[in-house]
């Protein structure tokens, strides 16, 4: 998930090239999704279960 501050997101190829030098291949993301904001609960924690439901197509193997 990418949360942008100015409303524009970098291209997938740019991100892949940037991370290629910094992360091992198995640690690099397979897909990128741009969202306005992450779902948070009252305490401000990210609701990971809601993200998994919302983007179930990414996590299906």
PDB file of N, CA and C in Angstrom:
ATOM      1  N   UNK A   1       0.835  -1.168   0.000  1.00  0.00           N
ATOM      2  CA  UNK A   1       0.000   0.000   0.000  1.00  0.00           C
ATOM      3  C   UNK A   1       0.885   1.238   0.000  1.00  0.00           C
ATOM      4  N   UNK A   2       0.521   2.153  -0.814  1.00  0.00           N
ATOM      5  CA  UNK A   2       1.207   3.438  -0.852  1.00  0.00           C
ATOM      6  C   UNK A   2       0.203   4.527  -0.516  1.00  0.00           C
ATOM      7  N   UNK A   3       0.560   5.357   0.427  1.00  0.00           N
ATOM      8  CA  UNK A   3      -0.269   6.511   0.761  1.00  0.00           C
ATOM      9  C   UNK A   3       0.485   7.730   0.276  1.00  0.00           C
ATOM     10  N   UNK A   4      -0.125   8.487  -0.628  1.00  0.00           N
ATOM     11  CA  UNK A   4       0.553   9.655  -1.181  1.00  0.00           C
ATOM     12  C   UNK A   4       0.130  10.911  -0.438  1.00  0.00           C
ATOM     13  N   UNK A   5       1.029  11.849  -0.348  1.00  0.00           N
ATOM     14  CA  UNK A   5       0.721  13.096   0.336  1.00  0.00           C
ATOM     15  C   UNK A   5       0.258  14.179  -0.626  1.00  0.00           C
ATOM     16  N   UNK A   6       0.747  14.128  -1.852  1.00  0.00           N
ATOM     17  CA  UNK A   6       0.382  15.178  -2.799  1.00  0.00           C
ATOM     18  C   UNK A   6      -0.583  14.696  -3.881  1.00  0.00           C
ATOM     19  N   UNK A   7      -1.060  13.471  -3.766  1.00  0.00           N
ATOM     20  CA  UNK A   7      -2.035  12.963  -4.723  1.00  0.00           C
ATOM     21  C   UNK A   7      -1.465  12.310  -5.955  1.00  0.00           C
ATOM     22  N   UNK A   8      -0.156  12.369  -6.141  1.00  0.00           N
ATOM     23  CA  UNK A   8       0.450  11.716  -7.293  1.00  0.00           C
ATOM     24  C   UNK A   8       1.310  10.560  -6.803  1.00  0.00           C
ATOM     25  N   UNK A   9       1.232   9.459  -7.508  1.00  0.00           N
ATOM     26  CA  UNK A   9       1.986   8.269  -7.119  1.00  0.00           C
ATOM     27  C   UNK A   9       3.095   8.007  -8.127  1.00  0.00           C
ATOM     28  N   UNK A  10       4.231   7.508  -7.680  1.00  0.00           N
ATOM     29  CA  UNK A  10       5.292   7.148  -8.624  1.00  0.00           C
ATOM     30  C   UNK A  10       4.878   5.925  -9.439  1.00  0.00           C
ATOM     31  N   UNK A  11       5.502   5.745 -10.559  1.00  0.00           N
ATOM     32  CA  UNK A  11       5.230   4.595 -11.422  1.00  0.00           C
ATOM     33  C   UNK A  11       5.744   3.313 -10.756  1.00  0.00           C
ATOM     34  N   UNK A  12       5.115   2.200 -11.086  1.00  0.00           N
ATOM     35  CA  UNK A  12       5.536   0.915 -10.527  1.00  0.00           C
ATOM     36  C   UNK A  12       6.982   0.600 -10.872  1.00  0.00           C
ATOM     37  N   UNK A  13       7.384   0.955 -12.089  1.00  0.00           N
ATOM     38  CA  UNK A  13       8.754   0.658 -12.504  1.00  0.00           C
ATOM     39  C   UNK A  13       9.762   1.461 -11.686  1.00  0.00           C
ATOM     40  N   UNK A  14       9.425   2.695 -11.347  1.00  0.00           N
ATOM     41  CA  UNK A  14      10.313   3.510 -10.520  1.00  0.00           C
ATOM     42  C   UNK A  14      10.498   2.881  -9.147  1.00  0.00           C
ATOM     43  N   UNK A  15       9.406   2.429  -8.565  1.00  0.00           N
ATOM     44  CA  UNK A  15       9.473   1.808  -7.250  1.00  0.00           C
ATOM     45  C   UNK A  15      10.270   0.513  -7.283  1.00  0.00           C
ATOM     46  N   UNK A  16      10.056  -0.271  -8.314  1.00  0.00           N
ATOM     47  CA  UNK A  16      10.769  -1.535  -8.444  1.00  0.00           C
ATOM     48  C   UNK A  16      12.264  -1.295  -8.573  1.00  0.00           C
ATOM     49  N   UNK A  17      12.658  -0.328  -9.375  1.00  0.00           N
ATOM     50  CA  UNK A  17      14.072  -0.007  -9.549  1.00  0.00           C
ATOM     51  C   UNK A  17      14.688   0.508  -8.257  1.00  0.00           C
ATOM     52  N   UNK A  18      13.958   1.331  -7.534  1.00  0.00           N
ATOM     53  CA  UNK A  18      14.454   1.879  -6.273  1.00  0.00           C
ATOM     54  C   UNK A  18      14.666   0.770  -5.248  1.00  0.00           C
ATOM     55  N   UNK A  19      13.709  -0.125  -5.141  1.00  0.00           N
ATOM     56  CA  UNK A  19      13.795  -1.187  -4.151  1.00  0.00           C
ATOM     57  C   UNK A  19      14.746  -2.309  -4.545  1.00  0.00           C
ATOM     58  N   UNK A  20      15.031  -2.446  -5.824  1.00  0.00           N
ATOM     59  CA  UNK A  20      15.912  -3.516  -6.287  1.00  0.00           C
ATOM     60  C   UNK A  20      17.297  -3.413  -5.657  1.00  0.00           C
ATOM     61  N   UNK A  21      17.756  -2.217  -5.436  1.00  0.00           N
ATOM     62  CA  UNK A  21      19.091  -2.014  -4.862  1.00  0.00           C
ATOM     63  C   UNK A  21      19.088  -2.069  -3.339  1.00  0.00           C
ATOM     64  N   UNK A  22      17.907  -1.987  -2.729  1.00  0.00           N
ATOM     65  CA  UNK A  22      17.843  -1.892  -1.276  1.00  0.00           C
ATOM     66  C   UNK A  22      17.301  -3.142  -0.594  1.00  0.00           C
ATOM     67  N   UNK A  23      16.516  -3.949  -1.313  1.00  0.00           N
ATOM     68  CA  UNK A  23      15.907  -5.138  -0.731  1.00  0.00           C
ATOM     69  C   UNK A  23      16.231  -6.374  -1.550  1.00  0.00           C
ATOM     70  N   UNK A  24      16.322  -7.494  -0.853  1.00  0.00           N
ATOM     71  CA  UNK A  24      16.479  -8.766  -1.557  1.00  0.00           C
ATOM     72  C   UNK A  24      15.222  -9.014  -2.378  1.00  0.00           C
ATOM     73  N   UNK A  25      15.338  -9.793  -3.432  1.00  0.00           N
ATOM     74  CA  UNK A  25      14.211 -10.013  -4.353  1.00  0.00           C
ATOM     75  C   UNK A  25      12.985 -10.588  -3.646  1.00  0.00           C
ATOM     76  N   UNK A  26      13.185 -11.507  -2.713  1.00  0.00           N
ATOM     77  CA  UNK A  26      12.033 -12.115  -2.049  1.00  0.00           C
ATOM     78  C   UNK A  26      11.336 -11.162  -1.080  1.00  0.00           C
ATOM     79  N   UNK A  27      11.974 -10.059  -0.732  1.00  0.00           N
ATOM     80  CA  UNK A  27      11.362  -9.074   0.161  1.00  0.00           C
ATOM     81  C   UNK A  27      10.660  -7.947  -0.598  1.00  0.00           C
ATOM     82  N   UNK A  28      10.835  -7.879  -1.898  1.00  0.00           N
ATOM     83  CA  UNK A  28      10.229  -6.813  -2.687  1.00  0.00           C
ATOM     84  C   UNK A  28       8.748  -7.094  -2.904  1.00  0.00           C
ATOM     85  N   UNK A  29       7.915  -6.058  -2.870  1.00  0.00           N
ATOM     86  CA  UNK A  29       6.475  -6.253  -3.089  1.00  0.00           C
ATOM     87  C   UNK A  29       6.187  -6.770  -4.490  1.00  0.00           C
ATOM     88  N   UNK A  30       5.143  -7.603  -4.594  1.00  0.00           N
ATOM     89  CA  UNK A  30       4.720  -8.118  -5.898  1.00  0.00           C
ATOM     90  C   UNK A  30       3.776  -7.145  -6.585  1.00  0.00           C
ATOM     91  N   UNK A  31       3.062  -6.357  -5.789  1.00  0.00           N
ATOM     92  CA  UNK A  31       2.084  -5.416  -6.344  1.00  0.00           C
ATOM     93  C   UNK A  31       2.043  -4.170  -5.473  1.00  0.00           C
ATOM     94  N   UNK A  32       1.651  -3.083  -6.083  1.00  0.00           N
ATOM     95  CA  UNK A  32       1.514  -1.811  -5.386  1.00  0.00           C
ATOM     96  C   UNK A  32       0.084  -1.319  -5.539  1.00  0.00           C
ATOM     97  N   UNK A  33      -0.470  -0.781  -4.495  1.00  0.00           N
ATOM     98  CA  UNK A  33      -1.793  -0.159  -4.545  1.00  0.00           C
ATOM     99  C   UNK A  33      -1.695   1.203  -3.896  1.00  0.00           C
ATOM    100  N   UNK A  34      -2.235   2.202  -4.554  1.00  0.00           N
ATOM    101  CA  UNK A  34      -2.221   3.569  -4.035  1.00  0.00           C
ATOM    102  C   UNK A  34      -3.575   3.853  -3.395  1.00  0.00           C
ATOM    103  N   UNK A  35      -3.539   4.330  -2.163  1.00  0.00           N
ATOM    104  CA  UNK A  35      -4.763   4.671  -1.437  1.00  0.00           C
ATOM    105  C   UNK A  35      -4.605   6.071  -0.855  1.00  0.00           C
ATOM    106  N   UNK A  36      -5.739   6.728  -0.621  1.00  0.00           N
ATOM    107  CA  UNK A  36      -5.691   8.064  -0.029  1.00  0.00           C
ATOM    108  C   UNK A  36      -5.242   8.012   1.416  1.00  0.00           C
ATOM    109  N   UNK A  37      -5.775   7.025   2.145  1.00  0.00           N
ATOM    110  CA  UNK A  37      -5.374   6.858   3.535  1.00  0.00           C
ATOM    111  C   UNK A  37      -5.622   5.417   3.956  1.00  0.00           C
ATOM    112  N   UNK A  38      -4.920   4.984   4.981  1.00  0.00           N
ATOM    113  CA  UNK A  38      -5.101   3.639   5.490  1.00  0.00           C
ATOM    114  C   UNK A  38      -6.243   3.630   6.500  1.00  0.00           C
ATOM    115  N   UNK A  39      -7.022   2.543   6.536  1.00  0.00           N
ATOM    116  CA  UNK A  39      -8.106   2.482   7.520  1.00  0.00           C
ATOM    117  C   UNK A  39      -7.523   2.357   8.926  1.00  0.00           C
ATOM    118  N   UNK A  40      -7.974   3.194   9.820  1.00  0.00           N
ATOM    119  CA  UNK A  40      -7.463   3.199  11.195  1.00  0.00           C
ATOM    120  C   UNK A  40      -8.611   3.086  12.182  1.00  0.00           C
ATOM    121  N   UNK A  41      -8.307   2.524  13.349  1.00  0.00           N
ATOM    122  CA  UNK A  41      -9.320   2.439  14.389  1.00  0.00           C
ATOM    123  C   UNK A  41      -9.271   3.696  15.254  1.00  0.00           C
ATOM    124  N   UNK A  42     -10.028   3.716  16.319  1.00  0.00           N
ATOM    125  CA  UNK A  42     -10.121   4.890  17.182  1.00  0.00           C
ATOM    126  C   UNK A  42      -8.776   5.227  17.818  1.00  0.00           C
ATOM    127  N   UNK A  43      -7.968   4.200  18.073  1.00  0.00           N
ATOM    128  CA  UNK A  43      -6.660   4.414  18.697  1.00  0.00           C
ATOM    129  C   UNK A  43      -5.597   4.849  17.683  1.00  0.00           C
ATOM    130  N   UNK A  44      -5.938   4.856  16.392  1.00  0.00           N
ATOM    131  CA  UNK A  44      -5.004   5.275  15.361  1.00  0.00           C
ATOM    132  C   UNK A  44      -4.202   4.143  14.748  1.00  0.00           C
ATOM    133  N   UNK A  45      -4.494   2.913  15.149  1.00  0.00           N
ATOM    134  CA  UNK A  45      -3.768   1.773  14.593  1.00  0.00           C
ATOM    135  C   UNK A  45      -4.361   1.380  13.246  1.00  0.00           C
ATOM    136  N   UNK A  46      -3.503   0.908  12.356  1.00  0.00           N
ATOM    137  CA  UNK A  46      -3.955   0.471  11.031  1.00  0.00           C
ATOM    138  C   UNK A  46      -4.749  -0.823  11.185  1.00  0.00           C
ATOM    139  N   UNK A  47      -5.900  -0.888  10.542  1.00  0.00           N
ATOM    140  CA  UNK A  47      -6.750  -2.066  10.590  1.00  0.00           C
ATOM    141  C   UNK A  47      -6.347  -3.013   9.465  1.00  0.00           C
ATOM    142  N   UNK A  48      -5.442  -3.911   9.792  1.00  0.00           N
ATOM    143  CA  UNK A  48      -4.890  -4.823   8.790  1.00  0.00           C
ATOM    144  C   UNK A  48      -5.936  -5.799   8.260  1.00  0.00           C
ATOM    145  N   UNK A  49      -6.840  -6.245   9.128  1.00  0.00           N
ATOM    146  CA  UNK A  49      -7.879  -7.182   8.686  1.00  0.00           C
ATOM    147  C   UNK A  49      -8.761  -6.538   7.618  1.00  0.00           C
ATOM    148  N   UNK A  50      -9.084  -5.276   7.787  1.00  0.00           N
ATOM    149  CA  UNK A  50      -9.898  -4.567   6.797  1.00  0.00           C
ATOM    150  C   UNK A  50      -9.133  -4.419   5.477  1.00  0.00           C
ATOM    151  N   UNK A  51      -7.843  -4.178   5.549  1.00  0.00           N
ATOM    152  CA  UNK A  51      -7.024  -4.094   4.342  1.00  0.00           C
ATOM    153  C   UNK A  51      -6.993  -5.432   3.613  1.00  0.00           C
ATOM    154  N   UNK A  52      -6.866  -6.525   4.371  1.00  0.00           N
ATOM    155  CA  UNK A  52      -6.850  -7.855   3.747  1.00  0.00           C
ATOM    156  C   UNK A  52      -8.162  -8.139   3.029  1.00  0.00           C
ATOM    157  N   UNK A  53      -9.282  -7.752   3.648  1.00  0.00           N
ATOM    158  CA  UNK A  53     -10.588  -7.953   3.013  1.00  0.00           C
ATOM    159  C   UNK A  53     -10.734  -7.103   1.763  1.00  0.00           C
ATOM    160  N   UNK A  54     -10.308  -5.842   1.867  1.00  0.00           N
ATOM    161  CA  UNK A  54     -10.456  -4.900   0.772  1.00  0.00           C
ATOM    162  C   UNK A  54      -9.610  -5.302  -0.436  1.00  0.00           C
ATOM    163  N   UNK A  55      -8.427  -5.842  -0.186  1.00  0.00           N
ATOM    164  CA  UNK A  55      -7.509  -6.194  -1.261  1.00  0.00           C
ATOM    165  C   UNK A  55      -7.265  -7.700  -1.277  1.00  0.00           C
ATOM    166  N   UNK A  56      -8.319  -8.471  -1.136  1.00  0.00           N
ATOM    167  CA  UNK A  56      -8.211  -9.935  -1.085  1.00  0.00           C
ATOM    168  C   UNK A  56      -7.626 -10.504  -2.374  1.00  0.00           C
ATOM    169  N   UNK A  57      -7.861  -9.860  -3.506  1.00  0.00           N
ATOM    170  CA  UNK A  57      -7.344 -10.358  -4.780  1.00  0.00           C
ATOM    171  C   UNK A  57      -5.820 -10.391  -4.822  1.00  0.00           C
ATOM    172  N   UNK A  58      -5.178  -9.501  -4.099  1.00  0.00           N
ATOM    173  CA  UNK A  58      -3.713  -9.469  -4.068  1.00  0.00           C
ATOM    174  C   UNK A  58      -3.172 -10.639  -3.249  1.00  0.00           C
ATOM    175  N   UNK A  59      -3.852 -10.961  -2.153  1.00  0.00           N
ATOM    176  CA  UNK A  59      -3.338 -11.973  -1.232  1.00  0.00           C
ATOM    177  C   UNK A  59      -3.716 -13.384  -1.617  1.00  0.00           C
ATOM    178  N   UNK A  60      -4.577 -13.560  -2.611  1.00  0.00           N
ATOM    179  CA  UNK A  60      -4.954 -14.902  -3.052  1.00  0.00           C
ATOM    180  C   UNK A  60      -3.827 -15.491  -3.880  1.00  0.00           C
ATOM    181  N   UNK A  61      -3.437 -16.704  -3.554  1.00  0.00           N
ATOM    182  CA  UNK A  61      -2.328 -17.347  -4.275  1.00  0.00           C
ATOM    183  C   UNK A  61      -2.838 -18.348  -5.201  1.00  0.00           C
TER     184      UNK A  61
END
